[in-house]
PDB file of all heavy atoms in Angstrom:
ATOM      1  N   LYS A   1     108.772  90.357  97.361  1.00  0.00           N
ATOM      2  CA  LYS A   1     108.800  91.036  96.063  1.00  0.00           C
ATOM      3  C   LYS A   1     107.938  90.213  95.112  1.00  0.00           C
ATOM      4  O   LYS A   1     108.150  89.011  94.952  1.00  0.00           O
ATOM      5  CB  LYS A   1     110.225  91.160  95.535  1.00  0.00           C
ATOM      6  CG  LYS A   1     111.136  92.067  96.382  1.00  0.00           C
ATOM      7  CD  LYS A   1     112.504  92.200  95.753  1.00  0.00           C
ATOM      8  CE  LYS A   1     113.462  92.963  96.650  1.00  0.00           C
ATOM      9  NZ  LYS A   1     113.117  94.388  96.817  1.00  0.00           N
ATOM     10  N   LEU A   2     106.955  90.867  94.500  1.00  0.00           N
ATOM     11  CA  LEU A   2     106.063  90.215  93.555  1.00  0.00           C
ATOM     12  C   LEU A   2     106.488  90.610  92.147  1.00  0.00           C
ATOM     13  O   LEU A   2     106.386  91.779  91.768  1.00  0.00           O
ATOM     14  CB  LEU A   2     104.611  90.640  93.794  1.00  0.00           C
ATOM     15  CG  LEU A   2     104.069  90.596  95.222  1.00  0.00           C
ATOM     16  CD1 LEU A   2     102.618  91.071  95.230  1.00  0.00           C
ATOM     17  CD2 LEU A   2     104.179  89.200  95.789  1.00  0.00           C
ATOM     18  N   VAL A   3     106.954  89.648  91.371  1.00  0.00           N
ATOM     19  CA  VAL A   3     107.419  89.918  90.018  1.00  0.00           C
ATOM     20  C   VAL A   3     106.326  89.502  89.037  1.00  0.00           C
ATOM     21  O   VAL A   3     105.918  88.337  89.004  1.00  0.00           O
ATOM     22  CB  VAL A   3     108.719  89.146  89.715  1.00  0.00           C
ATOM     23  CG1 VAL A   3     109.172  89.409  88.281  1.00  0.00           C
ATOM     24  CG2 VAL A   3     109.811  89.544  90.701  1.00  0.00           C
ATOM     25  N   ILE A   4     105.862  90.453  88.245  1.00  0.00           N
ATOM     26  CA  ILE A   4     104.830  90.146  87.250  1.00  0.00           C
ATOM     27  C   ILE A   4     105.277  90.677  85.890  1.00  0.00           C
ATOM     28  O   ILE A   4     106.119  91.582  85.802  1.00  0.00           O
ATOM     29  CB  ILE A   4     103.455  90.740  87.619  1.00  0.00           C
ATOM     30  CG1 ILE A   4     103.499  92.261  87.589  1.00  0.00           C
ATOM     31  CG2 ILE A   4     103.008  90.238  88.982  1.00  0.00           C
ATOM     32  CD1 ILE A   4     102.141  92.916  87.735  1.00  0.00           C
ATOM     33  N   GLY A   5     104.729  90.104  84.828  1.00  0.00           N
ATOM     34  CA  GLY A   5     105.051  90.545  83.477  1.00  0.00           C
ATOM     35  C   GLY A   5     104.165  91.687  83.034  1.00  0.00           C
ATOM     36  O   GLY A   5     103.089  91.931  83.591  1.00  0.00           O
ATOM     37  N   GLY A   6     104.624  92.369  82.007  1.00  0.00           N
ATOM     38  CA  GLY A   6     103.853  93.485  81.482  1.00  0.00           C
ATOM     39  C   GLY A   6     102.546  93.060  80.849  1.00  0.00           C
ATOM     40  O   GLY A   6     101.654  93.882  80.636  1.00  0.00           O
ATOM     41  N   SER A   7     102.416  91.752  80.547  1.00  0.00           N
ATOM     42  CA  SER A   7     101.176  91.255  79.960  1.00  0.00           C
ATOM     43  C   SER A   7     100.178  90.791  81.020  1.00  0.00           C
ATOM     44  O   SER A   7      99.117  90.273  80.685  1.00  0.00           O
ATOM     45  CB  SER A   7     101.480  90.098  79.000  1.00  0.00           C
ATOM     46  OG  SER A   7     102.165  89.053  79.665  1.00  0.00           O
ATOM     47  N   ASN A   8     100.496  90.983  82.287  1.00  0.00           N
ATOM     48  CA  ASN A   8      99.582  90.591  83.356  1.00  0.00           C
ATOM     49  C   ASN A   8      98.347  91.492  83.335  1.00  0.00           C
ATOM     50  O   ASN A   8      98.472  92.723  83.447  1.00  0.00           O
ATOM     51  CB  ASN A   8     100.281  90.694  84.705  1.00  0.00           C
ATOM     52  CG  ASN A   8      99.485  90.066  85.844  1.00  0.00           C
ATOM     53  OD1 ASN A   8      98.330  90.435  86.078  1.00  0.00           O
ATOM     54  ND2 ASN A   8     100.087  89.145  86.557  1.00  0.00           N
ATOM     55  N   PRO A   9      97.153  90.910  83.197  1.00  0.00           N
ATOM     56  CA  PRO A   9      95.946  91.732  83.081  1.00  0.00           C
ATOM     57  C   PRO A   9      95.397  92.213  84.425  1.00  0.00           C
ATOM     58  O   PRO A   9      94.356  92.877  84.450  1.00  0.00           O
ATOM     59  CB  PRO A   9      94.953  90.778  82.407  1.00  0.00           C
ATOM     60  CG  PRO A   9      95.370  89.419  82.869  1.00  0.00           C
ATOM     61  CD  PRO A   9      96.870  89.469  83.013  1.00  0.00           C
ATOM     62  N   HIS A  10      96.069  91.871  85.526  1.00  0.00           N
ATOM     63  CA  HIS A  10      95.533  92.160  86.859  1.00  0.00           C
ATOM     64  C   HIS A  10      96.362  93.192  87.611  1.00  0.00           C
ATOM     65  O   HIS A  10      96.355  93.218  88.845  1.00  0.00           O
ATOM     66  CB  HIS A  10      95.461  90.867  87.682  1.00  0.00           C
ATOM     67  CG  HIS A  10      94.741  89.748  86.997  1.00  0.00           C
ATOM     68  ND1 HIS A  10      93.382  89.748  86.802  1.00  0.00           N
ATOM     69  CD2 HIS A  10      95.210  88.610  86.431  1.00  0.00           C
ATOM     70  CE1 HIS A  10      93.028  88.643  86.158  1.00  0.00           C
ATOM     71  NE2 HIS A  10      94.122  87.941  85.924  1.00  0.00           N
ATOM     72  N   LEU A  11      97.084  94.039  86.887  1.00  0.00           N
ATOM     73  CA  LEU A  11      97.991  94.984  87.525  1.00  0.00           C
ATOM     74  C   LEU A  11      97.271  95.895  88.528  1.00  0.00           C
ATOM     75  O   LEU A  11      97.752  96.107  89.644  1.00  0.00           O
ATOM     76  CB  LEU A  11      98.696  95.824  86.451  1.00  0.00           C
ATOM     77  CG  LEU A  11      99.706  96.857  86.955  1.00  0.00           C
ATOM     78  CD1 LEU A  11     100.804  96.190  87.768  1.00  0.00           C
ATOM     79  CD2 LEU A  11     100.312  97.620  85.775  1.00  0.00           C
ATOM     80  N   GLU A  12      96.114  96.406  88.160  1.00  0.00           N
ATOM     81  CA  GLU A  12      95.390  97.316  89.050  1.00  0.00           C
ATOM     82  C   GLU A  12      94.947  96.602  90.328  1.00  0.00           C
ATOM     83  O   GLU A  12      95.101  97.128  91.439  1.00  0.00           O
ATOM     84  CB  GLU A  12      94.182  97.900  88.322  1.00  0.00           C
ATOM     85  CG  GLU A  12      93.425  98.938  89.129  1.00  0.00           C
ATOM     86  CD  GLU A  12      92.296  99.581  88.339  1.00  0.00           C
ATOM     87  OE1 GLU A  12      92.252  99.402  87.105  1.00  0.00           O
ATOM     88  OE2 GLU A  12      91.454 100.245  88.970  1.00  0.00           O
ATOM     89  N   THR A  13      94.427  95.387  90.176  1.00  0.00           N
ATOM     90  CA  THR A  13      94.001  94.608  91.350  1.00  0.00           C
ATOM     91  C   THR A  13      95.184  94.308  92.256  1.00  0.00           C
ATOM     92  O   THR A  13      95.083  94.423  93.488  1.00  0.00           O
ATOM     93  CB  THR A  13      93.347  93.290  90.900  1.00  0.00           C
ATOM     94  OG1 THR A  13      92.200  93.586  90.110  1.00  0.00           O
ATOM     95  CG2 THR A  13      92.939  92.446  92.099  1.00  0.00           C
ATOM     96  N   LEU A  14      96.295  93.939  91.666  1.00  0.00           N
ATOM     97  CA  LEU A  14      97.481  93.620  92.468  1.00  0.00           C
ATOM     98  C   LEU A  14      97.999  94.855  93.197  1.00  0.00           C
ATOM     99  O   LEU A  14      98.454  94.759  94.345  1.00  0.00           O
ATOM    100  CB  LEU A  14      98.568  93.031  91.571  1.00  0.00           C
ATOM    101  CG  LEU A  14      98.297  91.611  91.071  1.00  0.00           C
ATOM    102  CD1 LEU A  14      99.304  91.220  89.992  1.00  0.00           C
ATOM    103  CD2 LEU A  14      98.352  90.612  92.226  1.00  0.00           C
ATOM    104  N   GLY A  15      97.918  96.009  92.543  1.00  0.00           N
ATOM    105  CA  GLY A  15      98.328  97.236  93.214  1.00  0.00           C
ATOM    106  C   GLY A  15      97.499  97.495  94.462  1.00  0.00           C
ATOM    107  O   GLY A  15      98.024  97.896  95.507  1.00  0.00           O
ATOM    108  N   THR A  16      96.199  97.243  94.371  1.00  0.00           N
ATOM    109  CA  THR A  16      95.316  97.402  95.533  1.00  0.00           C
ATOM    110  C   THR A  16      95.671  96.385  96.617  1.00  0.00           C
ATOM    111  O   THR A  16      95.725  96.716  97.814  1.00  0.00           O
ATOM    112  CB  THR A  16      93.847  97.219  95.104  1.00  0.00           C
ATOM    113  OG1 THR A  16      93.513  98.199  94.120  1.00  0.00           O
ATOM    114  CG2 THR A  16      92.914  97.354  96.303  1.00  0.00           C
ATOM    115  N   ASP A  17      95.924  95.133  96.220  1.00  0.00           N
ATOM    116  CA  ASP A  17      96.289  94.099  97.187  1.00  0.00           C
ATOM    117  C   ASP A  17      97.581  94.461  97.923  1.00  0.00           C
ATOM    118  O   ASP A  17      97.702  94.243  99.138  1.00  0.00           O
ATOM    119  CB  ASP A  17      96.481  92.757  96.474  1.00  0.00           C
ATOM    120  CG  ASP A  17      95.186  92.185  95.942  1.00  0.00           C
ATOM    121  OD1 ASP A  17      94.110  92.624  96.403  1.00  0.00           O
ATOM    122  OD2 ASP A  17      95.246  91.304  95.058  1.00  0.00           O
ATOM    123  N   VAL A  18      98.546  94.995  97.198  1.00  0.00           N
ATOM    124  CA  VAL A  18      99.817  95.376  97.807  1.00  0.00           C
ATOM    125  C   VAL A  18      99.613  96.484  98.836  1.00  0.00           C
ATOM    126  O   VAL A  18     100.170  96.442  99.946  1.00  0.00           O
ATOM    127  CB  VAL A  18     100.820  95.804  96.708  1.00  0.00           C
ATOM    128  CG1 VAL A  18     102.016  96.534  97.318  1.00  0.00           C
ATOM    129  CG2 VAL A  18     101.294  94.596  95.915  1.00  0.00           C
ATOM    130  N   ARG A  19      98.811  97.478  98.507  1.00  0.00           N
ATOM    131  CA  ARG A  19      98.574  98.582  99.439  1.00  0.00           C
ATOM    132  C   ARG A  19      97.852  98.118 100.697  1.00  0.00           C
ATOM    133  O   ARG A  19      98.062  98.681 101.786  1.00  0.00           O
ATOM    134  CB  ARG A  19      97.770  99.686  98.744  1.00  0.00           C
ATOM    135  CG  ARG A  19      98.563 100.455  97.688  1.00  0.00           C
ATOM    136  CD  ARG A  19      97.796 101.665  97.186  1.00  0.00           C
ATOM    137  NE  ARG A  19      96.590 101.292  96.447  1.00  0.00           N
ATOM    138  CZ  ARG A  19      96.563 101.046  95.154  1.00  0.00           C
ATOM    139  NH1 ARG A  19      97.683 101.131  94.443  1.00  0.00           N
ATOM    140  NH2 ARG A  19      95.417 100.734  94.542  1.00  0.00           N
ATOM    141  N   ARG A  20      97.029  97.092 100.580  1.00  0.00           N
ATOM    142  CA  ARG A  20      96.264  96.611 101.726  1.00  0.00           C
ATOM    143  C   ARG A  20      97.000  95.544 102.539  1.00  0.00           C
ATOM    144  O   ARG A  20      96.543  95.167 103.624  1.00  0.00           O
ATOM    145  CB  ARG A  20      94.937  96.031 101.244  1.00  0.00           C
ATOM    146  CG  ARG A  20      93.975  97.061 100.668  1.00  0.00           C
ATOM    147  CD  ARG A  20      92.742  96.369 100.105  1.00  0.00           C
ATOM    148  NE  ARG A  20      91.758  97.325  99.602  1.00  0.00           N
ATOM    149  CZ  ARG A  20      90.650  96.992  98.956  1.00  0.00           C
ATOM    150  NH1 ARG A  20      90.376  95.701  98.719  1.00  0.00           N
ATOM    151  NH2 ARG A  20      89.812  97.919  98.528  1.00  0.00           N
ATOM    152  N   SER A  21      98.103  95.046 102.033  1.00  0.00           N
ATOM    153  CA  SER A  21      98.783  93.930 102.700  1.00  0.00           C
ATOM    154  C   SER A  21      99.346  94.351 104.060  1.00  0.00           C
ATOM    155  O   SER A  21      99.669  95.522 104.284  1.00  0.00           O
ATOM    156  CB  SER A  21      99.907  93.400 101.811  1.00  0.00           C
ATOM    157  OG  SER A  21     100.929  94.363 101.682  1.00  0.00           O
ATOM    158  N   LYS A  22      99.480  93.367 104.945  1.00  0.00           N
ATOM    159  CA  LYS A  22      99.967  93.621 106.303  1.00  0.00           C
ATOM    160  C   LYS A  22     101.459  93.336 106.449  1.00  0.00           C
ATOM    161  O   LYS A  22     101.995  93.363 107.545  1.00  0.00           O
ATOM    162  CB  LYS A  22      99.177  92.762 107.290  1.00  0.00           C
ATOM    163  CG  LYS A  22      97.679  93.040 107.281  1.00  0.00           C
ATOM    164  CD  LYS A  22      96.927  92.059 108.156  1.00  0.00           C
ATOM    165  CE  LYS A  22      95.423  92.275 108.057  1.00  0.00           C
ATOM    166  NZ  LYS A  22      94.661  91.251 108.828  1.00  0.00           N
ATOM    167  N   PHE A  23     102.128  93.059 105.333  1.00  0.00           N
ATOM    168  CA  PHE A  23     103.574  92.818 105.378  1.00  0.00           C
ATOM    169  C   PHE A  23     104.238  93.678 104.300  1.00  0.00           C
ATOM    170  O   PHE A  23     103.568  94.211 103.405  1.00  0.00           O
ATOM    171  CB  PHE A  23     103.890  91.339 105.169  1.00  0.00           C
ATOM    172  CG  PHE A  23     103.380  90.773 103.859  1.00  0.00           C
ATOM    173  CD1 PHE A  23     104.208  90.666 102.753  1.00  0.00           C
ATOM    174  CD2 PHE A  23     102.059  90.348 103.730  1.00  0.00           C
ATOM    175  CE1 PHE A  23     103.740  90.160 101.554  1.00  0.00           C
ATOM    176  CE2 PHE A  23     101.587  89.828 102.532  1.00  0.00           C
ATOM    177  CZ  PHE A  23     102.424  89.739 101.435  1.00  0.00           C
ATOM    178  N   ALA A  24     105.542  93.827 104.405  1.00  0.00           N
ATOM    179  CA  ALA A  24     106.280  94.657 103.449  1.00  0.00           C
ATOM    180  C   ALA A  24     106.337  93.950 102.102  1.00  0.00           C
ATOM    181  O   ALA A  24     106.844  92.829 102.001  1.00  0.00           O
ATOM    182  CB  ALA A  24     107.696  94.915 103.962  1.00  0.00           C
ATOM    183  N   VAL A  25     105.826  94.601 101.060  1.00  0.00           N
ATOM    184  CA  VAL A  25     105.767  93.960  99.749  1.00  0.00           C
ATOM    185  C   VAL A  25     105.989  94.992  98.651  1.00  0.00           C
ATOM    186  O   VAL A  25     105.493  96.122  98.729  1.00  0.00           O
ATOM    187  CB  VAL A  25     104.422  93.225  99.557  1.00  0.00           C
ATOM    188  CG1 VAL A  25     103.244  94.155  99.766  1.00  0.00           C
ATOM    189  CG2 VAL A  25     104.354  92.546  98.196  1.00  0.00           C
ATOM    190  N   GLU A  26     106.744  94.589  97.649  1.00  0.00           N
ATOM    191  CA  GLU A  26     107.038  95.443  96.504  1.00  0.00           C
ATOM    192  C   GLU A  26     106.578  94.748  95.231  1.00  0.00           C
ATOM    193  O   GLU A  26     106.819  93.552  95.032  1.00  0.00           O
ATOM    194  CB  GLU A  26     108.542  95.727  96.411  1.00  0.00           C
ATOM    195  CG  GLU A  26     108.953  96.550  95.205  1.00  0.00           C
ATOM    196  CD  GLU A  26     110.457  96.680  95.059  1.00  0.00           C
ATOM    197  OE1 GLU A  26     111.187  96.165  95.934  1.00  0.00           O
ATOM    198  OE2 GLU A  26     110.900  97.284  94.064  1.00  0.00           O
ATOM    199  N   LEU A  27     105.912  95.502  94.361  1.00  0.00           N
ATOM    200  CA  LEU A  27     105.461  94.978  93.085  1.00  0.00           C
ATOM    201  C   LEU A  27     106.474  95.371  92.011  1.00  0.00           C
ATOM    202  O   LEU A  27     106.764  96.552  91.813  1.00  0.00           O
ATOM    203  CB  LEU A  27     104.080  95.542  92.749  1.00  0.00           C
ATOM    204  CG  LEU A  27     103.339  94.932  91.565  1.00  0.00           C
ATOM    205  CD1 LEU A  27     103.063  93.449  91.783  1.00  0.00           C
ATOM    206  CD2 LEU A  27     102.027  95.679  91.313  1.00  0.00           C
TER     207      LEU A  27
END
Protein backbone atom coordinates (compact mmCIF):
# COMPACT_ATOMS: atom_id res chain seq x y z
CA LYS A 1 0.00 0.00 0.00
CA LEU A 2 1.48 3.32 -1.10
CA VAL A 3 0.29 6.20 1.08
CA ILE A 4 0.76 9.67 -0.39
CA GLY A 5 -0.52 13.12 0.56
CA GLY A 6 -2.85 15.26 -1.45
CA SER A 7 0.01 17.70 -2.00
CA ASN A 8 2.10 15.09 -3.82
CA PRO A 9 2.87 16.53 -7.27
CA HIS A 10 3.54 13.10 -8.82
CA LEU A 11 0.10 11.50 -8.54
CA GLU A 12 -0.25 10.84 -12.28
CA THR A 13 3.22 9.28 -12.55
CA LEU A 14 2.59 7.10 -9.52
CA GLY A 15 -0.71 5.94 -10.98
CA THR A 16 1.14 4.77 -14.09
CA ASP A 17 3.81 3.05 -11.97
CA VAL A 18 1.14 1.21 -9.99
CA ARG A 19 -0.59 -0.06 -13.14
CA ARG A 20 2.71 -1.33 -14.53
CA SER A 21 3.95 -2.97 -11.33
CA LYS A 22 4.42 -6.74 -11.16
CA PHE A 23 3.12 -7.06 -7.60
CA ALA A 24 -0.18 -6.26 -5.90
CA VAL A 25 -0.16 -2.57 -4.97
CA GLU A 26 -2.75 -0.03 -3.89
CA LEU A 27 -2.34 3.74 -4.01
